[in-house]
Amino acid sequence: MRHPDAAVRVAERPVLNRLARARPWNASCTAVVHNVLVLASNHRYFPPESMANRLLTAALLLVTSGLFGACAHQEYFPSSSIPKTEENKSIIETVEQYRRRLLERNVEGLLVLASEKYFEDSGTPRSDDDYGYNGLKMVLSKRLSRVQSMRYEIEYRAIKHQGNRAEVEVFLDGSFELTADHHDRYRRVNDFHRFILELQPNEKWQFLSGM
């Protein structure tokens, strides 16, 4: 006997093709179609397969007409899989505030964006190079005092939500000119990076790591 989900896959193909020709399409639309078909196929009054395809096609065009208003017009941030939701906009704006204040070398402004629970693990077996919120000011002050000029761009790739925390995956592209007393005056950064932020009771996002 064919597995119910296999029957659904067969039934949904012509429906997907028909709707894709009529509407803007993305992966969210495909998921909506499949989920509706699965729910219908599990209904106790579901008719024989030959009749089911015709009924599902007709019903789906009616039932999902409102749903497709959302899935077909879902917008994403450029070069990313990040939906343009209000929450994601707020997160990205917080990271952009960090970027702007870094360019301004505004240490006090950067500290406002950091949570009191901030902790940076330097990724080494040693513990003496890890630091929390109190050490962040010293690290930022020391690093930024050596910078004469900089360019710092952030390309957003993905945002993963877990409760009131968000993990922001980005690609950093920057260059730094250090003061003349440094032998290596010019440095570049071109690498993937991760910021972790937490939503505060005042509905503001603050950094837990990555600054």
Protein backbone atom coordinates (compact mmCIF):
# COMPACT_ATOMS: atom_id res chain seq x y z
CA MET A 1 0.00 0.00 0.00
CA ARG A 2 1.29 3.44 -0.89
CA HIS A 3 2.22 5.61 2.09
CA PRO A 4 -0.30 8.47 2.60
CA ASP A 5 2.42 11.08 2.24
CA ALA A 6 3.47 9.57 -1.10
CA ALA A 7 -0.11 9.94 -2.35
CA VAL A 8 -0.07 13.54 -1.20
CA ARG A 9 3.15 14.15 -3.11
CA VAL A 10 1.54 12.80 -6.28
CA ALA A 11 -1.63 14.83 -5.76
CA GLU A 12 0.18 18.08 -5.08
CA ARG A 13 2.31 18.16 -8.24
CA PRO A 14 -0.39 19.44 -10.63
CA VAL A 15 -1.66 21.81 -7.96
CA LEU A 16 1.79 23.31 -7.47
CA ASN A 17 2.32 23.67 -11.21
CA ARG A 18 -1.04 25.35 -11.68
CA LEU A 19 -0.61 27.80 -8.82
CA ALA A 20 3.01 28.61 -9.72
CA ARG A 21 1.87 29.81 -13.13
CA ALA A 22 -0.76 32.05 -11.58
CA ARG A 23 1.12 33.60 -8.64
CA PRO A 24 4.56 34.75 -7.46
CA TRP A 25 6.10 31.70 -5.86
CA ASN A 26 8.57 30.75 -3.16
CA ALA A 27 9.34 27.87 -0.81
CA SER A 28 6.77 29.11 1.71
CA CYS A 29 4.00 28.63 -0.87
CA THR A 30 5.09 25.05 -1.52
CA ALA A 31 4.99 24.34 2.21
CA VAL A 32 1.46 25.77 2.51
CA VAL A 33 0.19 23.57 -0.31
CA HIS A 34 1.77 20.43 1.09
CA ASN A 35 0.49 21.05 4.64
CA VAL A 36 -3.08 21.64 3.44
CA LEU A 37 -2.97 18.47 1.36
CA VAL A 38 -1.66 16.42 4.29
CA LEU A 39 -4.44 17.73 6.54
CA ALA A 40 -7.05 16.93 3.89
CA SER A 41 -5.70 13.43 3.29
CA ASN A 42 -6.01 12.63 6.99
CA HIS A 43 -9.67 13.67 7.11
CA ARG A 44 -11.95 10.74 7.96
CA TYR A 45 -14.27 11.52 5.01
CA PHE A 46 -11.48 11.69 2.46
CA PRO A 47 -12.79 10.04 -0.75
CA PRO A 48 -10.98 7.54 -2.99
CA GLU A 49 -7.77 8.77 -4.56
CA SER A 50 -9.19 9.27 -8.06
CA MET A 51 -11.82 11.67 -6.72
CA ALA A 52 -9.44 13.17 -4.15
CA ASN A 53 -7.17 14.82 -6.66
CA ARG A 54 -10.06 16.70 -8.27
CA LEU A 55 -11.56 17.78 -4.95
CA LEU A 56 -8.22 18.78 -3.48
CA THR A 57 -7.34 20.87 -6.51
CA ALA A 58 -10.64 22.74 -6.40
CA ALA A 59 -10.68 23.12 -2.61
CA LEU A 60 -7.06 24.19 -2.46
CA LEU A 61 -7.58 26.99 -4.96
CA LEU A 62 -10.37 28.35 -2.74
CA VAL A 63 -9.05 27.66 0.75
CA THR A 64 -5.49 28.82 0.20
CA SER A 65 -6.30 32.00 -1.73
CA GLY A 66 -5.95 34.03 1.46
CA LEU A 67 -2.91 32.14 2.66
CA PHE A 68 -1.01 32.88 -0.52
CA GLY A 69 -1.39 36.59 0.06
CA ALA A 70 1.19 36.12 2.80
CA CYS A 71 3.53 33.49 1.36
CA ALA A 72 3.76 34.91 -2.15
CA HIS A 73 4.71 38.38 -0.94
CA GLN A 74 7.18 37.44 1.79
CA GLU A 75 10.13 39.80 1.57
CA TYR A 76 13.69 38.99 2.61
CA PHE A 77 16.69 41.10 3.46
CA PRO A 78 19.13 41.31 0.51
CA SER A 79 21.50 38.34 -0.02
CA SER A 80 20.00 36.46 2.92
CA SER A 81 17.33 34.02 4.03
CA ILE A 82 16.13 36.50 6.67
CA PRO A 83 12.39 37.37 6.45
CA LYS A 84 11.60 41.07 6.81
CA THR A 85 9.68 40.81 10.08
CA GLU A 86 9.49 43.57 12.66
CA GLU A 87 11.56 41.49 15.08
CA ASN A 88 14.31 40.85 12.53
CA LYS A 89 14.33 44.52 11.52
CA SER A 90 14.86 45.48 15.17
CA ILE A 91 17.73 42.97 15.50
CA ILE A 92 19.47 44.19 12.35
CA GLU A 93 19.03 47.82 13.38
CA THR A 94 20.75 47.00 16.70
CA VAL A 95 23.69 45.42 14.84
CA GLU A 96 23.79 48.45 12.53
CA GLN A 97 23.98 50.71 15.59
CA TYR A 98 26.97 48.66 16.69
CA ARG A 99 28.58 49.08 13.24
CA ARG A 100 28.04 52.86 13.21
CA ARG A 101 29.34 53.36 16.74
CA LEU A 102 32.36 51.20 15.96
CA LEU A 103 33.17 53.46 12.99
CA GLU A 104 32.76 56.47 15.29
CA ARG A 105 35.01 54.74 17.86
CA ASN A 106 32.30 55.52 20.41
CA VAL A 107 33.19 53.19 23.29
CA GLU A 108 30.46 54.42 25.65
CA GLY A 109 27.86 54.08 22.93
CA LEU A 110 29.00 50.51 22.22
CA LEU A 111 28.76 49.57 25.89
CA VAL A 112 25.11 50.68 25.96
CA LEU A 113 24.41 47.96 23.37
CA ALA A 114 26.02 45.23 25.50
CA SER A 115 24.16 43.16 28.06
CA GLU A 116 25.48 42.93 31.60
CA LYS A 117 25.62 39.18 30.88
CA TYR A 118 28.03 39.75 28.00
CA PHE A 119 30.77 37.14 27.76
CA GLU A 120 33.43 36.59 25.13
CA ASP A 121 35.16 33.24 24.84
CA SER A 122 38.31 33.81 22.80
CA GLY A 123 38.26 30.20 21.63
CA THR A 124 41.53 29.17 23.25
CA PRO A 125 42.18 26.64 26.05
CA ARG A 126 43.30 29.53 28.26
CA SER A 127 40.78 31.29 30.46
CA ASP A 128 42.78 34.48 31.04
CA ASP A 129 41.86 35.82 27.58
CA ASP A 130 38.10 35.43 28.14
CA TYR A 131 36.22 38.47 29.38
CA GLY A 132 32.77 39.68 30.42
CA TYR A 133 30.98 43.02 30.46
CA ASN A 134 33.56 44.69 32.71
CA GLY A 135 36.42 43.61 30.47
CA LEU A 136 34.60 44.70 27.31
CA LYS A 137 35.24 48.41 27.93
CA MET A 138 38.96 47.80 28.34
CA VAL A 139 39.14 45.67 25.19
CA LEU A 140 37.19 48.17 23.08
CA SER A 141 39.15 51.15 24.39
CA LYS A 142 42.49 49.47 23.75
CA ARG A 143 41.64 48.25 20.25
CA LEU A 144 39.93 51.42 19.03
CA SER A 145 42.64 53.71 20.39
CA ARG A 146 45.04 52.11 17.89
CA VAL A 147 42.76 52.69 14.90
CA GLN A 148 43.38 55.75 12.75
CA SER A 149 40.76 54.98 10.11
CA MET A 150 38.53 52.06 9.23
CA ARG A 151 35.98 50.63 6.83
CA TYR A 152 33.55 48.08 8.26
CA GLU A 153 30.70 46.46 6.33
CA ILE A 154 28.30 43.73 7.50
CA GLU A 155 26.49 41.36 5.14
CA TYR A 156 23.59 39.61 6.88
CA ARG A 157 23.15 35.92 6.09
CA ALA A 158 20.72 34.39 8.61
CA ILE A 159 19.01 34.93 11.97
CA LYS A 160 18.20 31.97 14.21
CA HIS A 161 15.74 32.53 17.05
CA GLN A 162 15.71 30.58 20.29
CA GLY A 163 13.38 31.97 22.90
CA ASN A 164 14.36 35.57 23.62
CA ARG A 165 17.79 35.11 22.03
CA ALA A 166 18.85 35.58 18.42
CA GLU A 167 21.96 34.30 16.65
CA VAL A 168 22.90 36.55 13.73
CA GLU A 169 25.16 35.02 11.08
CA VAL A 170 27.04 37.61 9.02
CA PHE A 171 30.00 38.10 6.72
CA LEU A 172 32.38 40.87 7.74
CA ASP A 173 34.30 42.95 5.21
CA GLY A 174 36.56 45.60 6.70
CA SER A 175 39.93 47.30 6.62
CA PHE A 176 41.79 49.14 9.36
CA GLU A 177 44.62 51.65 9.35
CA LEU A 178 46.46 51.63 12.66
CA THR A 179 48.53 54.40 14.22
CA ALA A 180 52.08 54.91 12.95
CA ASP A 181 53.72 53.25 15.96
CA HIS A 182 52.50 49.83 14.73
CA HIS A 183 54.75 47.89 12.36
CA ASP A 184 51.79 46.36 10.51
CA ARG A 185 49.69 49.48 9.94
CA TYR A 186 47.07 48.02 7.58
CA ARG A 187 44.81 45.10 8.41
CA ARG A 188 41.81 43.51 6.75
CA VAL A 189 38.97 41.30 7.89
CA ASN A 190 37.02 39.08 5.47
CA ASP A 191 35.34 36.33 7.40
CA PHE A 192 32.12 34.84 8.68
CA HIS A 193 31.07 35.96 12.13
CA ARG A 194 28.28 35.40 14.65
CA PHE A 195 26.57 37.89 16.95
CA ILE A 196 24.36 36.68 19.79
CA LEU A 197 21.74 39.08 21.13
CA GLU A 198 19.08 38.90 23.80
CA LEU A 199 15.74 40.72 24.00
CA GLN A 200 15.47 42.80 27.17
CA PRO A 201 12.31 43.61 29.20
CA ASN A 202 12.29 47.09 27.62
CA GLU A 203 11.93 45.42 24.17
CA LYS A 204 15.49 46.43 23.22
CA TRP A 205 18.06 43.94 21.92
CA GLN A 206 21.49 43.77 23.56
CA PHE A 207 24.64 41.82 22.66
CA LEU A 208 25.64 38.73 24.62
CA SER A 209 28.74 38.13 22.49
CA GLY A 210 30.39 39.00 19.20
CA MET A 211 31.20 42.70 19.62
